[in-house]
């Protein structure tokens, strides 16, 4: 995988489409040929983690080793631990 880079708006290539709306290209367009574009630099930054396999957010549940690219994905996963717990105590 390519090395992760610092994500800032300046590092994205801005392109315009019909109507002059600003688009942000995937930062890996040149290196691996990804042609995706996004309406915000944040969306482009989030997408780039697909190419880097960066998973910097660990699950906070004791004993769980899973990691995620985004905090909201980890929180969604975290609910599975508590749902499993409530099911077993209801039996």
PDB file of N, CA and C in Angstrom:
ATOM      1  N   UNK A   1       0.838  -1.194   0.000  1.00  0.00           N
ATOM      2  CA  UNK A   1       0.000   0.000   0.000  1.00  0.00           C
ATOM      3  C   UNK A   1       0.872   1.242   0.000  1.00  0.00           C
ATOM      4  N   UNK A   2       0.429   2.329  -0.638  1.00  0.00           N
ATOM      5  CA  UNK A   2       1.181   3.578  -0.593  1.00  0.00           C
ATOM      6  C   UNK A   2       1.222   4.110   0.828  1.00  0.00           C
ATOM      7  N   UNK A   3       2.258   4.879   1.143  1.00  0.00           N
ATOM      8  CA  UNK A   3       2.388   5.469   2.464  1.00  0.00           C
ATOM      9  C   UNK A   3       1.293   6.508   2.692  1.00  0.00           C
ATOM     10  N   UNK A   4       0.699   6.546   3.915  1.00  0.00           N
ATOM     11  CA  UNK A   4      -0.300   7.577   4.192  1.00  0.00           C
ATOM     12  C   UNK A   4       0.339   8.956   4.158  1.00  0.00           C
ATOM     13  N   UNK A   5      -0.440   9.939   3.793  1.00  0.00           N
ATOM     14  CA  UNK A   5       0.033  11.309   3.734  1.00  0.00           C
ATOM     15  C   UNK A   5      -0.789  12.156   4.679  1.00  0.00           C
ATOM     16  N   UNK A   6      -0.267  13.343   5.003  1.00  0.00           N
ATOM     17  CA  UNK A   6      -1.029  14.284   5.812  1.00  0.00           C
ATOM     18  C   UNK A   6      -2.200  14.765   4.977  1.00  0.00           C
ATOM     19  N   UNK A   7      -3.385  14.777   5.565  1.00  0.00           N
ATOM     20  CA  UNK A   7      -4.580  15.133   4.828  1.00  0.00           C
ATOM     21  C   UNK A   7      -4.915  16.597   5.053  1.00  0.00           C
ATOM     22  N   UNK A   8      -4.675  17.407   4.080  1.00  0.00           N
ATOM     23  CA  UNK A   8      -5.093  18.795   4.149  1.00  0.00           C
ATOM     24  C   UNK A   8      -5.676  19.188   2.806  1.00  0.00           C
ATOM     25  N   UNK A   9      -6.527  20.177   2.832  1.00  0.00           N
ATOM     26  CA  UNK A   9      -7.260  20.572   1.631  1.00  0.00           C
ATOM     27  C   UNK A   9      -6.330  20.979   0.493  1.00  0.00           C
ATOM     28  N   UNK A  10      -5.188  21.563   0.825  1.00  0.00           N
ATOM     29  CA  UNK A  10      -4.247  22.036  -0.193  1.00  0.00           C
ATOM     30  C   UNK A  10      -3.668  20.886  -1.021  1.00  0.00           C
ATOM     31  N   UNK A  11      -3.563  19.690  -0.442  1.00  0.00           N
ATOM     32  CA  UNK A  11      -2.906  18.591  -1.150  1.00  0.00           C
ATOM     33  C   UNK A  11      -3.811  17.908  -2.169  1.00  0.00           C
ATOM     34  N   UNK A  12      -5.096  18.240  -2.166  1.00  0.00           N
ATOM     35  CA  UNK A  12      -6.000  17.641  -3.135  1.00  0.00           C
ATOM     36  C   UNK A  12      -5.990  18.447  -4.421  1.00  0.00           C
ATOM     37  N   UNK A  13      -6.146  17.773  -5.528  1.00  0.00           N
ATOM     38  CA  UNK A  13      -6.256  18.446  -6.807  1.00  0.00           C
ATOM     39  C   UNK A  13      -7.702  18.862  -6.981  1.00  0.00           C
ATOM     40  N   UNK A  14      -7.942  20.140  -7.081  1.00  0.00           N
ATOM     41  CA  UNK A  14      -9.303  20.627  -7.292  1.00  0.00           C
ATOM     42  C   UNK A  14      -9.597  20.638  -8.780  1.00  0.00           C
ATOM     43  N   UNK A  15     -10.755  20.138  -9.144  1.00  0.00           N
ATOM     44  CA  UNK A  15     -11.179  20.199 -10.534  1.00  0.00           C
ATOM     45  C   UNK A  15     -12.593  20.743 -10.572  1.00  0.00           C
ATOM     46  N   UNK A  16     -12.967  21.332 -11.646  1.00  0.00           N
ATOM     47  CA  UNK A  16     -14.322  21.848 -11.781  1.00  0.00           C
ATOM     48  C   UNK A  16     -15.102  20.987 -12.750  1.00  0.00           C
ATOM     49  N   UNK A  17     -16.375  20.881 -12.495  1.00  0.00           N
ATOM     50  CA  UNK A  17     -17.258  20.179 -13.404  1.00  0.00           C
ATOM     51  C   UNK A  17     -18.331  21.147 -13.846  1.00  0.00           C
ATOM     52  N   UNK A  18     -19.327  20.659 -14.552  1.00  0.00           N
ATOM     53  CA  UNK A  18     -20.405  21.502 -15.049  1.00  0.00           C
ATOM     54  C   UNK A  18     -20.971  22.350 -13.920  1.00  0.00           C
ATOM     55  N   UNK A  19     -21.229  23.613 -14.216  1.00  0.00           N
ATOM     56  CA  UNK A  19     -21.785  24.504 -13.220  1.00  0.00           C
ATOM     57  C   UNK A  19     -20.728  25.091 -12.296  1.00  0.00           C
ATOM     58  N   UNK A  20     -19.469  24.749 -12.501  1.00  0.00           N
ATOM     59  CA  UNK A  20     -18.385  25.313 -11.708  1.00  0.00           C
ATOM     60  C   UNK A  20     -18.277  24.761 -10.295  1.00  0.00           C
ATOM     61  N   UNK A  21     -18.954  23.647  -9.985  1.00  0.00           N
ATOM     62  CA  UNK A  21     -18.859  23.098  -8.632  1.00  0.00           C
ATOM     63  C   UNK A  21     -17.467  22.512  -8.413  1.00  0.00           C
ATOM     64  N   UNK A  22     -16.931  22.750  -7.236  1.00  0.00           N
ATOM     65  CA  UNK A  22     -15.585  22.306  -6.901  1.00  0.00           C
ATOM     66  C   UNK A  22     -15.607  20.815  -6.577  1.00  0.00           C
ATOM     67  N   UNK A  23     -14.650  20.078  -7.105  1.00  0.00           N
ATOM     68  CA  UNK A  23     -14.533  18.653  -6.836  1.00  0.00           C
ATOM     69  C   UNK A  23     -13.106  18.368  -6.365  1.00  0.00           C
ATOM     70  N   UNK A  24     -12.958  17.361  -5.536  1.00  0.00           N
ATOM     71  CA  UNK A  24     -11.661  16.957  -5.016  1.00  0.00           C
ATOM     72  C   UNK A  24     -11.358  15.547  -5.508  1.00  0.00           C
ATOM     73  N   UNK A  25     -10.243  15.404  -6.211  1.00  0.00           N
ATOM     74  CA  UNK A  25      -9.843  14.106  -6.747  1.00  0.00           C
ATOM     75  C   UNK A  25      -9.196  13.264  -5.656  1.00  0.00           C
ATOM     76  N   UNK A  26      -9.270  11.962  -5.810  1.00  0.00           N
ATOM     77  CA  UNK A  26      -8.559  11.063  -4.915  1.00  0.00           C
ATOM     78  C   UNK A  26      -7.066  11.365  -5.018  1.00  0.00           C
ATOM     79  N   UNK A  27      -6.409  11.463  -3.875  1.00  0.00           N
ATOM     80  CA  UNK A  27      -4.971  11.777  -3.867  1.00  0.00           C
ATOM     81  C   UNK A  27      -4.128  10.665  -4.489  1.00  0.00           C
ATOM     82  N   UNK A  28      -4.716   9.498  -4.715  1.00  0.00           N
ATOM     83  CA  UNK A  28      -3.986   8.381  -5.307  1.00  0.00           C
ATOM     84  C   UNK A  28      -4.265   8.227  -6.800  1.00  0.00           C
ATOM     85  N   UNK A  29      -4.809   9.254  -7.401  1.00  0.00           N
ATOM     86  CA  UNK A  29      -5.111   9.207  -8.839  1.00  0.00           C
ATOM     87  C   UNK A  29      -3.849   8.922  -9.656  1.00  0.00           C
ATOM     88  N   UNK A  30      -2.802   9.650  -9.387  1.00  0.00           N
ATOM     89  CA  UNK A  30      -1.557   9.508 -10.160  1.00  0.00           C
ATOM     90  C   UNK A  30      -0.848   8.190  -9.866  1.00  0.00           C
ATOM     91  N   UNK A  31      -0.814   7.776  -8.603  1.00  0.00           N
ATOM     92  CA  UNK A  31      -0.021   6.594  -8.242  1.00  0.00           C
ATOM     93  C   UNK A  31      -0.709   5.272  -8.530  1.00  0.00           C
ATOM     94  N   UNK A  32      -2.032   5.197  -8.314  1.00  0.00           N
ATOM     95  CA  UNK A  32      -2.706   3.919  -8.560  1.00  0.00           C
ATOM     96  C   UNK A  32      -3.887   4.025  -9.510  1.00  0.00           C
ATOM     97  N   UNK A  33      -4.139   5.221 -10.026  1.00  0.00           N
ATOM     98  CA  UNK A  33      -5.161   5.375 -11.047  1.00  0.00           C
ATOM     99  C   UNK A  33      -6.595   5.478 -10.561  1.00  0.00           C
ATOM    100  N   UNK A  34      -6.801   5.886  -9.314  1.00  0.00           N
ATOM    101  CA  UNK A  34      -8.167   6.029  -8.806  1.00  0.00           C
ATOM    102  C   UNK A  34      -8.757   7.335  -9.338  1.00  0.00           C
ATOM    103  N   UNK A  35      -9.861   7.244 -10.060  1.00  0.00           N
ATOM    104  CA  UNK A  35     -10.476   8.416 -10.697  1.00  0.00           C
ATOM    105  C   UNK A  35     -11.646   9.007  -9.910  1.00  0.00           C
ATOM    106  N   UNK A  36     -11.857   8.581  -8.683  1.00  0.00           N
ATOM    107  CA  UNK A  36     -12.991   9.091  -7.910  1.00  0.00           C
ATOM    108  C   UNK A  36     -12.788  10.558  -7.549  1.00  0.00           C
ATOM    109  N   UNK A  37     -13.904  11.295  -7.516  1.00  0.00           N
ATOM    110  CA  UNK A  37     -13.877  12.691  -7.081  1.00  0.00           C
ATOM    111  C   UNK A  37     -14.958  12.892  -6.025  1.00  0.00           C
ATOM    112  N   UNK A  38     -14.796  13.940  -5.211  1.00  0.00           N
ATOM    113  CA  UNK A  38     -15.676  14.174  -4.074  1.00  0.00           C
ATOM    114  C   UNK A  38     -16.019  15.651  -3.965  1.00  0.00           C
ATOM    115  N   UNK A  39     -17.136  15.938  -3.315  1.00  0.00           N
ATOM    116  CA  UNK A  39     -17.589  17.325  -3.177  1.00  0.00           C
ATOM    117  C   UNK A  39     -16.862  18.068  -2.063  1.00  0.00           C
ATOM    118  N   UNK A  40     -16.259  17.347  -1.126  1.00  0.00           N
ATOM    119  CA  UNK A  40     -15.506  17.996  -0.046  1.00  0.00           C
ATOM    120  C   UNK A  40     -14.150  17.324   0.128  1.00  0.00           C
ATOM    121  N   UNK A  41     -13.199  18.072   0.671  1.00  0.00           N
ATOM    122  CA  UNK A  41     -11.881  17.492   0.933  1.00  0.00           C
ATOM    123  C   UNK A  41     -11.975  16.428   2.017  1.00  0.00           C
ATOM    124  N   UNK A  42     -12.918  16.592   2.957  1.00  0.00           N
ATOM    125  CA  UNK A  42     -13.104  15.595   4.016  1.00  0.00           C
ATOM    126  C   UNK A  42     -13.549  14.264   3.475  1.00  0.00           C
ATOM    127  N   UNK A  43     -14.446  14.286   2.485  1.00  0.00           N
ATOM    128  CA  UNK A  43     -14.892  13.035   1.868  1.00  0.00           C
ATOM    129  C   UNK A  43     -13.740  12.381   1.112  1.00  0.00           C
ATOM    130  N   UNK A  44     -12.924  13.183   0.447  1.00  0.00           N
ATOM    131  CA  UNK A  44     -11.766  12.647  -0.271  1.00  0.00           C
ATOM    132  C   UNK A  44     -10.765  12.045   0.706  1.00  0.00           C
ATOM    133  N   UNK A  45     -10.578  12.696   1.842  1.00  0.00           N
ATOM    134  CA  UNK A  45      -9.668  12.199   2.870  1.00  0.00           C
ATOM    135  C   UNK A  45     -10.156  10.870   3.435  1.00  0.00           C
ATOM    136  N   UNK A  46     -11.443  10.798   3.722  1.00  0.00           N
ATOM    137  CA  UNK A  46     -12.040   9.565   4.244  1.00  0.00           C
ATOM    138  C   UNK A  46     -11.875   8.425   3.231  1.00  0.00           C
ATOM    139  N   UNK A  47     -12.112   8.723   1.968  1.00  0.00           N
ATOM    140  CA  UNK A  47     -11.970   7.724   0.907  1.00  0.00           C
ATOM    141  C   UNK A  47     -10.531   7.216   0.804  1.00  0.00           C
ATOM    142  N   UNK A  48      -9.550   8.092   0.961  1.00  0.00           N
ATOM    143  CA  UNK A  48      -8.152   7.696   0.768  1.00  0.00           C
ATOM    144  C   UNK A  48      -7.727   6.580   1.717  1.00  0.00           C
ATOM    145  N   UNK A  49      -8.409   6.443   2.843  1.00  0.00           N
ATOM    146  CA  UNK A  49      -8.066   5.380   3.787  1.00  0.00           C
ATOM    147  C   UNK A  49      -8.328   4.000   3.204  1.00  0.00           C
ATOM    148  N   UNK A  50      -9.163   3.916   2.185  1.00  0.00           N
ATOM    149  CA  UNK A  50      -9.374   2.648   1.475  1.00  0.00           C
ATOM    150  C   UNK A  50      -8.062   2.180   0.857  1.00  0.00           C
ATOM    151  N   UNK A  51      -7.302   3.126   0.332  1.00  0.00           N
ATOM    152  CA  UNK A  51      -6.047   2.783  -0.343  1.00  0.00           C
ATOM    153  C   UNK A  51      -4.910   2.512   0.633  1.00  0.00           C
ATOM    154  N   UNK A  52      -4.952   3.109   1.815  1.00  0.00           N
ATOM    155  CA  UNK A  52      -3.861   2.946   2.780  1.00  0.00           C
ATOM    156  C   UNK A  52      -4.108   1.830   3.778  1.00  0.00           C
ATOM    157  N   UNK A  53      -5.350   1.357   3.866  1.00  0.00           N
ATOM    158  CA  UNK A  53      -5.754   0.339   4.843  1.00  0.00           C
ATOM    159  C   UNK A  53      -5.538   0.831   6.267  1.00  0.00           C
ATOM    160  N   UNK A  54      -5.552   2.147   6.447  1.00  0.00           N
ATOM    161  CA  UNK A  54      -5.343   2.760   7.755  1.00  0.00           C
ATOM    162  C   UNK A  54      -6.559   2.515   8.651  1.00  0.00           C
ATOM    163  N   UNK A  55      -6.312   1.876   9.775  1.00  0.00           N
ATOM    164  CA  UNK A  55      -7.378   1.642  10.764  1.00  0.00           C
ATOM    165  C   UNK A  55      -6.828   2.057  12.125  1.00  0.00           C
ATOM    166  N   UNK A  56      -7.010   3.316  12.453  1.00  0.00           N
ATOM    167  CA  UNK A  56      -6.407   3.896  13.645  1.00  0.00           C
ATOM    168  C   UNK A  56      -7.344   3.967  14.845  1.00  0.00           C
ATOM    169  N   UNK A  57      -8.601   3.511  14.704  1.00  0.00           N
ATOM    170  CA  UNK A  57      -9.569   3.629  15.796  1.00  0.00           C
ATOM    171  C   UNK A  57      -9.874   2.235  16.357  1.00  0.00           C
ATOM    172  N   UNK A  58      -9.325   1.913  17.542  1.00  0.00           N
ATOM    173  CA  UNK A  58      -9.576   0.597  18.119  1.00  0.00           C
ATOM    174  C   UNK A  58     -10.923   0.542  18.833  1.00  0.00           C
ATOM    175  N   UNK A  59     -11.516  -0.642  18.876  1.00  0.00           N
ATOM    176  CA  UNK A  59     -12.739  -0.857  19.641  1.00  0.00           C
ATOM    177  C   UNK A  59     -12.403  -0.669  21.121  1.00  0.00           C
ATOM    178  N   UNK A  60     -13.269   0.024  21.847  1.00  0.00           N
ATOM    179  CA  UNK A  60     -13.018   0.317  23.260  1.00  0.00           C
ATOM    180  C   UNK A  60     -13.554  -0.768  24.198  1.00  0.00           C
ATOM    181  N   UNK A  61     -14.194  -1.799  23.640  1.00  0.00           N
ATOM    182  CA  UNK A  61     -14.724  -2.878  24.468  1.00  0.00           C
ATOM    183  C   UNK A  61     -13.568  -3.766  24.928  1.00  0.00           C
ATOM    184  N   UNK A  62     -13.506  -4.033  26.219  1.00  0.00           N
ATOM    185  CA  UNK A  62     -12.406  -4.812  26.788  1.00  0.00           C
ATOM    186  C   UNK A  62     -12.273  -6.172  26.098  1.00  0.00           C
ATOM    187  N   UNK A  63     -11.086  -6.446  25.607  1.00  0.00           N
ATOM    188  CA  UNK A  63     -10.787  -7.723  24.973  1.00  0.00           C
ATOM    189  C   UNK A  63     -11.027  -7.771  23.468  1.00  0.00           C
ATOM    190  N   UNK A  64     -11.690  -6.766  22.921  1.00  0.00           N
ATOM    191  CA  UNK A  64     -11.947  -6.745  21.478  1.00  0.00           C
ATOM    192  C   UNK A  64     -10.740  -6.145  20.757  1.00  0.00           C
ATOM    193  N   UNK A  65     -10.289  -6.800  19.734  1.00  0.00           N
ATOM    194  CA  UNK A  65      -9.093  -6.367  19.002  1.00  0.00           C
ATOM    195  C   UNK A  65      -9.401  -5.668  17.683  1.00  0.00           C
ATOM    196  N   UNK A  66     -10.676  -5.458  17.369  1.00  0.00           N
ATOM    197  CA  UNK A  66     -11.032  -4.856  16.081  1.00  0.00           C
ATOM    198  C   UNK A  66     -10.636  -3.388  16.023  1.00  0.00           C
ATOM    199  N   UNK A  67     -10.291  -2.947  14.797  1.00  0.00           N
ATOM    200  CA  UNK A  67      -9.941  -1.547  14.543  1.00  0.00           C
ATOM    201  C   UNK A  67     -10.721  -1.050  13.340  1.00  0.00           C
ATOM    202  N   UNK A  68     -10.920   0.270  13.289  1.00  0.00           N
ATOM    203  CA  UNK A  68     -11.758   0.872  12.263  1.00  0.00           C
ATOM    204  C   UNK A  68     -11.098   2.121  11.694  1.00  0.00           C
ATOM    205  N   UNK A  69     -11.550   2.517  10.502  1.00  0.00           N
ATOM    206  CA  UNK A  69     -11.013   3.725   9.887  1.00  0.00           C
ATOM    207  C   UNK A  69     -11.647   4.972  10.480  1.00  0.00           C
ATOM    208  N   UNK A  70     -12.874   4.839  11.008  1.00  0.00           N
ATOM    209  CA  UNK A  70     -13.593   6.010  11.531  1.00  0.00           C
ATOM    210  C   UNK A  70     -14.223   5.701  12.881  1.00  0.00           C
ATOM    211  N   UNK A  71     -14.298   6.729  13.720  1.00  0.00           N
ATOM    212  CA  UNK A  71     -14.872   6.584  15.044  1.00  0.00           C
ATOM    213  C   UNK A  71     -16.344   6.179  14.994  1.00  0.00           C
ATOM    214  N   UNK A  72     -17.106   6.729  14.046  1.00  0.00           N
ATOM    215  CA  UNK A  72     -18.523   6.377  13.979  1.00  0.00           C
ATOM    216  C   UNK A  72     -18.719   4.904  13.619  1.00  0.00           C
ATOM    217  N   UNK A  73     -17.814   4.337  12.832  1.00  0.00           N
ATOM    218  CA  UNK A  73     -17.892   2.904  12.524  1.00  0.00           C
ATOM    219  C   UNK A  73     -17.584   2.064  13.768  1.00  0.00           C
ATOM    220  N   UNK A  74     -16.616   2.519  14.580  1.00  0.00           N
ATOM    221  CA  UNK A  74     -16.287   1.806  15.813  1.00  0.00           C
ATOM    222  C   UNK A  74     -17.480   1.841  16.766  1.00  0.00           C
ATOM    223  N   UNK A  75     -18.130   3.003  16.899  1.00  0.00           N
ATOM    224  CA  UNK A  75     -19.271   3.116  17.804  1.00  0.00           C
ATOM    225  C   UNK A  75     -20.429   2.222  17.362  1.00  0.00           C
ATOM    226  N   UNK A  76     -20.634   2.126  16.072  1.00  0.00           N
ATOM    227  CA  UNK A  76     -21.672   1.249  15.548  1.00  0.00           C
ATOM    228  C   UNK A  76     -21.339  -0.209  15.904  1.00  0.00           C
ATOM    229  N   UNK A  77     -20.079  -0.588  15.735  1.00  0.00           N
ATOM    230  CA  UNK A  77     -19.626  -1.939  16.094  1.00  0.00           C
ATOM    231  C   UNK A  77     -19.771  -2.176  17.595  1.00  0.00           C
ATOM    232  N   UNK A  78     -19.440  -1.176  18.403  1.00  0.00           N
ATOM    233  CA  UNK A  78     -19.488  -1.292  19.859  1.00  0.00           C
ATOM    234  C   UNK A  78     -20.873  -1.720  20.340  1.00  0.00           C
ATOM    235  N   UNK A  79     -21.893  -1.250  19.658  1.00  0.00           N
ATOM    236  CA  UNK A  79     -23.268  -1.633  20.006  1.00  0.00           C
ATOM    237  C   UNK A  79     -23.480  -3.142  19.915  1.00  0.00           C
ATOM    238  N   UNK A  80     -22.754  -3.818  19.043  1.00  0.00           N
ATOM    239  CA  UNK A  80     -22.933  -5.270  18.911  1.00  0.00           C
ATOM    240  C   UNK A  80     -22.521  -5.982  20.195  1.00  0.00           C
ATOM    241  N   UNK A  81     -21.541  -5.446  20.910  1.00  0.00           N
ATOM    242  CA  UNK A  81     -21.126  -6.056  22.171  1.00  0.00           C
ATOM    243  C   UNK A  81     -22.243  -5.950  23.202  1.00  0.00           C
ATOM    244  N   UNK A  82     -22.890  -4.815  23.261  1.00  0.00           N
ATOM    245  CA  UNK A  82     -23.938  -4.598  24.258  1.00  0.00           C
ATOM    246  C   UNK A  82     -25.234  -5.298  23.881  1.00  0.00           C
ATOM    247  N   UNK A  83     -25.525  -5.416  22.611  1.00  0.00           N
ATOM    248  CA  UNK A  83     -26.706  -6.162  22.174  1.00  0.00           C
ATOM    249  C   UNK A  83     -26.543  -7.633  22.505  1.00  0.00           C
ATOM    250  N   UNK A  84     -25.361  -8.172  22.255  1.00  0.00           N
ATOM    251  CA  UNK A  84     -25.082  -9.573  22.583  1.00  0.00           C
ATOM    252  C   UNK A  84     -25.238  -9.807  24.080  1.00  0.00           C
ATOM    253  N   UNK A  85     -24.813  -8.849  24.881  1.00  0.00           N
ATOM    254  CA  UNK A  85     -24.875  -8.951  26.337  1.00  0.00           C
ATOM    255  C   UNK A  85     -26.327  -8.972  26.819  1.00  0.00           C
ATOM    256  N   UNK A  86     -27.152  -8.076  26.270  1.00  0.00           N
ATOM    257  CA  UNK A  86     -28.540  -8.008  26.720  1.00  0.00           C
ATOM    258  C   UNK A  86     -29.327  -9.249  26.284  1.00  0.00           C
ATOM    259  N   UNK A  87     -28.988  -9.807  25.153  1.00  0.00           N
ATOM    260  CA  UNK A  87     -29.638 -11.049  24.705  1.00  0.00           C
ATOM    261  C   UNK A  87     -29.335 -12.203  25.642  1.00  0.00           C
ATOM    262  N   UNK A  88     -28.064 -12.313  26.057  1.00  0.00           N
ATOM    263  CA  UNK A  88     -27.682 -13.441  26.920  1.00  0.00           C
ATOM    264  C   UNK A  88     -28.263 -13.291  28.323  1.00  0.00           C
ATOM    265  N   UNK A  89     -28.453 -12.069  28.820  1.00  0.00           N
ATOM    266  CA  UNK A  89     -29.015 -11.878  30.156  1.00  0.00           C
ATOM    267  C   UNK A  89     -30.547 -12.047  30.137  1.00  0.00           C
ATOM    268  N   UNK A  90     -31.171 -11.918  28.966  1.00  0.00           N
ATOM    269  CA  UNK A  90     -32.624 -12.075  28.841  1.00  0.00           C
ATOM    270  C   UNK A  90     -33.033 -13.538  28.822  1.00  0.00           C
ATOM    271  N   UNK A  91     -32.083 -14.432  28.549  1.00  0.00           N
ATOM    272  CA  UNK A  91     -32.406 -15.870  28.445  1.00  0.00           C
ATOM    273  C   UNK A  91     -32.588 -16.498  29.791  1.00  0.00           C
TER     274      UNK A  91
END
